[in-house]
Amino acid sequence: MRWLTKQPPEIDEARQSIETILKDANRAADVISRIHSLVKKATPSKETLDINETILEIVALTRSESVKRGVTVQMRLSDSLPRIQGDRVQLQQVLINLIINGIQAMSDVEGVRELHIGTEYDGSKEVRVAVRDFGPGVSVENLPHLFEPFYTTKPGGMGMGLSISRSIIEDHGGRLWASANVPRGATFYFTVPSQ
């Protein structure tokens, strides 16, 4: 609105802003639609994907959050991954959840704040993705409950993100799990079948 009320109006800036709003609104509608389909147990809309490209898209999308919280994102993406079959929007939602959770886990950490994202393929029938943070970690008591609906360790958290993420990954024929890091932090892994 400010660009349009300037004298003279900055039409190009306003147009770019509206295009960004439309793109984000369409993406949000896709996410809601896919979550609705997931709840209804509909078959995911699968396409051939390069998981590394999907990760790069989400890292770019979450960059403002990592910068705001002083977190450096480091990636080790294998260059020899096979393609996978998956619902791009659903897998993006899983990645967003794991990355934002990792960034937020380091909010109160002094010193180095790094989020490591990696992919690997060991020749089996699965591609593995790992998201590692260096936050306070996950207690042994909390590990078995992390993926239960409405269970949260965050103040103000809803406890739905990891539950939905696990459902998405399982609907893709993979699995999602977490482990505590030594001396601190947590790593979340998921696998998806390779094509």
Protein backbone atom coordinates (compact mmCIF):
# COMPACT_ATOMS: atom_id res chain seq x y z
CA MET A 1 0.00 0.00 0.00
CA ARG A 2 2.86 2.40 0.79
CA TRP A 3 4.35 1.88 -2.66
CA LEU A 4 1.01 2.70 -4.26
CA THR A 5 0.41 5.83 -2.16
CA LYS A 6 3.84 7.32 -2.92
CA GLN A 7 4.05 10.20 -5.36
CA PRO A 8 4.71 8.93 -7.97
CA PRO A 9 3.43 5.42 -7.16
CA GLU A 10 6.02 2.62 -7.31
CA ILE A 11 3.98 0.25 -9.44
CA ASP A 12 6.77 -2.27 -10.11
CA GLU A 13 7.51 -2.69 -6.38
CA ALA A 14 3.80 -3.13 -5.62
CA ARG A 15 3.43 -5.67 -8.46
CA GLN A 16 6.40 -7.71 -7.17
CA SER A 17 4.98 -7.65 -3.67
CA ILE A 18 1.56 -8.83 -4.87
CA GLU A 19 3.19 -11.62 -6.93
CA THR A 20 5.04 -12.79 -3.81
CA ILE A 21 1.83 -12.69 -1.77
CA LEU A 22 -0.01 -14.73 -4.42
CA LYS A 23 2.81 -17.29 -4.60
CA ASP A 24 2.84 -17.68 -0.80
CA ALA A 25 -0.97 -17.88 -0.64
CA ASN A 26 -1.02 -20.60 -3.31
CA ARG A 27 1.70 -22.52 -1.48
CA ALA A 28 -0.26 -22.25 1.79
CA ALA A 29 -3.40 -23.49 0.01
CA ASP A 30 -1.43 -26.46 -1.37
CA VAL A 31 -0.11 -27.31 2.10
CA ILE A 32 -3.60 -27.14 3.64
CA SER A 33 -5.02 -29.23 0.81
CA ARG A 34 -2.30 -31.87 1.18
CA ILE A 35 -2.75 -32.02 4.98
CA HIS A 36 -6.51 -32.36 4.45
CA SER A 37 -5.85 -35.24 2.03
CA LEU A 38 -3.47 -36.81 4.54
CA VAL A 39 -6.10 -36.67 7.30
CA LYS A 40 -8.64 -38.23 4.91
CA LYS A 41 -6.04 -40.92 4.05
CA ALA A 42 -6.08 -39.96 0.37
CA THR A 43 -3.25 -41.21 -1.82
CA PRO A 44 -0.42 -38.65 -2.05
CA SER A 45 0.08 -36.93 -5.41
CA LYS A 46 3.44 -38.44 -6.35
CA GLU A 47 5.97 -37.25 -8.89
CA THR A 48 9.63 -37.95 -9.57
CA LEU A 49 11.75 -35.69 -7.35
CA ASP A 50 15.34 -34.79 -6.64
CA ILE A 51 15.34 -34.58 -2.81
CA ASN A 52 18.41 -32.31 -2.87
CA GLU A 53 16.55 -29.74 -4.99
CA THR A 54 13.61 -29.91 -2.58
CA ILE A 55 15.96 -29.29 0.37
CA LEU A 56 17.61 -26.33 -1.38
CA GLU A 57 14.16 -24.78 -2.01
CA ILE A 58 13.21 -25.10 1.67
CA VAL A 59 16.55 -23.81 2.95
CA ALA A 60 16.00 -20.71 0.78
CA LEU A 61 12.43 -20.41 2.08
CA THR A 62 13.52 -20.63 5.74
CA ARG A 63 16.62 -18.41 5.35
CA SER A 64 15.00 -15.38 7.01
CA GLU A 65 14.19 -17.46 10.12
CA SER A 66 17.76 -18.79 10.38
CA VAL A 67 19.24 -15.30 9.91
CA LYS A 68 16.84 -13.81 12.47
CA ARG A 69 17.90 -16.41 15.05
CA GLY A 70 21.62 -16.31 14.20
CA VAL A 71 21.75 -19.89 12.91
CA THR A 72 24.13 -20.98 10.16
CA VAL A 73 22.80 -23.73 7.90
CA GLN A 74 25.38 -26.17 6.56
CA MET A 75 24.52 -28.76 3.95
CA ARG A 76 26.20 -31.98 2.92
CA LEU A 77 24.05 -33.18 0.07
CA SER A 78 25.20 -36.32 -1.69
CA ASP A 79 25.64 -35.81 -5.41
CA SER A 80 24.94 -39.47 -6.19
CA LEU A 81 21.34 -39.76 -5.01
CA PRO A 82 18.73 -41.58 -7.04
CA ARG A 83 15.46 -39.78 -7.60
CA ILE A 84 12.48 -40.53 -5.41
CA GLN A 85 8.73 -40.71 -5.93
CA GLY A 86 6.89 -38.30 -3.67
CA ASP A 87 4.43 -35.54 -3.09
CA ARG A 88 6.61 -32.42 -3.33
CA VAL A 89 4.40 -30.23 -1.12
CA GLN A 90 4.11 -32.85 1.61
CA LEU A 91 7.86 -33.51 1.67
CA GLN A 92 8.50 -29.76 1.72
CA GLN A 93 6.21 -29.53 4.75
CA VAL A 94 8.23 -32.22 6.56
CA LEU A 95 11.47 -30.40 5.77
CA ILE A 96 10.08 -27.04 6.88
CA ASN A 97 8.95 -28.57 10.16
CA LEU A 98 12.30 -30.25 10.88
CA ILE A 99 14.35 -27.20 9.88
CA ILE A 100 12.25 -24.67 11.82
CA ASN A 101 12.22 -26.98 14.86
CA GLY A 102 16.01 -27.24 14.69
CA ILE A 103 16.44 -23.48 14.35
CA GLN A 104 14.06 -22.79 17.24
CA ALA A 105 15.78 -25.41 19.42
CA MET A 106 18.92 -23.26 19.35
CA SER A 107 17.21 -19.98 20.28
CA ASP A 108 18.70 -19.88 23.79
CA VAL A 109 22.04 -21.52 22.93
CA GLU A 110 25.19 -19.49 23.59
CA GLY A 111 28.01 -19.69 21.08
CA VAL A 112 27.86 -21.59 17.81
CA ARG A 113 24.41 -22.13 16.33
CA GLU A 114 24.58 -24.49 13.40
CA LEU A 115 21.99 -26.60 11.65
CA HIS A 116 23.40 -29.45 9.56
CA ILE A 117 21.34 -30.96 6.75
CA GLY A 118 22.60 -34.02 4.92
CA THR A 119 21.50 -36.60 2.41
CA GLU A 120 22.94 -40.01 1.68
CA TYR A 121 22.34 -43.15 -0.28
CA ASP A 122 24.05 -46.38 0.64
CA GLY A 123 22.96 -48.38 -2.38
CA SER A 124 19.89 -49.76 -0.62
CA LYS A 125 16.38 -48.88 -1.69
CA GLU A 126 16.17 -45.74 0.46
CA VAL A 127 17.43 -42.18 0.43
CA ARG A 128 18.13 -40.82 3.92
CA VAL A 129 17.86 -37.19 5.04
CA ALA A 130 19.26 -35.94 8.36
CA VAL A 131 18.60 -32.60 10.09
CA ARG A 132 20.91 -32.02 13.08
CA ASP A 133 20.76 -29.15 15.55
CA PHE A 134 23.05 -28.21 18.44
CA GLY A 135 20.32 -27.14 20.85
CA PRO A 136 19.63 -28.55 24.31
CA GLY A 137 18.70 -31.95 22.85
CA VAL A 138 15.95 -34.40 23.61
CA SER A 139 15.79 -36.32 26.86
CA VAL A 140 15.59 -40.11 26.82
CA GLU A 141 12.16 -39.81 28.47
CA ASN A 142 10.83 -37.55 25.69
CA LEU A 143 12.19 -39.52 22.70
CA PRO A 144 9.40 -42.14 22.61
CA HIS A 145 6.69 -39.44 22.75
CA LEU A 146 8.01 -36.90 20.21
CA PHE A 147 5.80 -38.13 17.37
CA GLU A 148 2.57 -38.48 19.36
CA PRO A 149 -0.20 -36.00 18.48
CA PHE A 150 -0.41 -33.02 20.85
CA TYR A 151 2.86 -33.90 22.61
CA THR A 152 5.24 -30.94 22.68
CA THR A 153 8.36 -29.84 24.51
CA LYS A 154 8.07 -26.24 23.28
CA PRO A 155 6.25 -23.53 25.22
CA GLY A 156 3.28 -22.58 23.07
CA GLY A 157 3.81 -25.58 20.76
CA MET A 158 0.80 -27.46 19.39
CA GLY A 159 2.42 -30.88 19.20
CA MET A 160 1.19 -31.58 15.68
CA GLY A 161 4.20 -30.93 13.43
CA LEU A 162 6.17 -34.10 14.13
CA SER A 163 3.03 -36.25 14.21
CA ILE A 164 1.94 -34.98 10.79
CA SER A 165 5.49 -35.28 9.47
CA ARG A 166 5.71 -38.92 10.54
CA SER A 167 2.35 -39.66 8.87
CA ILE A 168 3.56 -38.04 5.64
CA ILE A 169 6.80 -40.01 5.61
CA GLU A 170 5.04 -43.28 6.43
CA ASP A 171 2.52 -42.62 3.63
CA HIS A 172 5.55 -42.34 1.33
CA GLY A 173 6.78 -45.78 2.45
CA GLY A 174 9.57 -44.38 4.62
CA ARG A 175 10.20 -43.76 8.29
CA LEU A 176 10.98 -40.79 10.54
CA TRP A 177 12.87 -40.98 13.83
CA ALA A 178 15.07 -38.94 16.16
CA SER A 179 18.18 -39.46 18.23
CA ALA A 180 19.93 -37.45 20.91
CA ASN A 181 23.41 -36.11 20.05
CA VAL A 182 26.44 -36.10 22.30
CA PRO A 183 27.26 -33.69 23.87
CA ARG A 184 24.11 -31.78 22.88
CA GLY A 185 21.43 -31.42 20.25
CA ALA A 186 19.22 -33.80 18.32
CA THR A 187 19.17 -35.33 14.86
CA PHE A 188 15.96 -36.09 13.00
CA TYR A 189 16.21 -38.62 10.18
CA PHE A 190 13.81 -39.70 7.54
CA THR A 191 14.00 -42.14 4.69
CA VAL A 192 12.04 -42.34 1.48
CA PRO A 193 12.22 -45.17 -1.03
CA SER A 194 14.44 -44.50 -4.03
CA GLN A 195 13.01 -44.83 -7.50
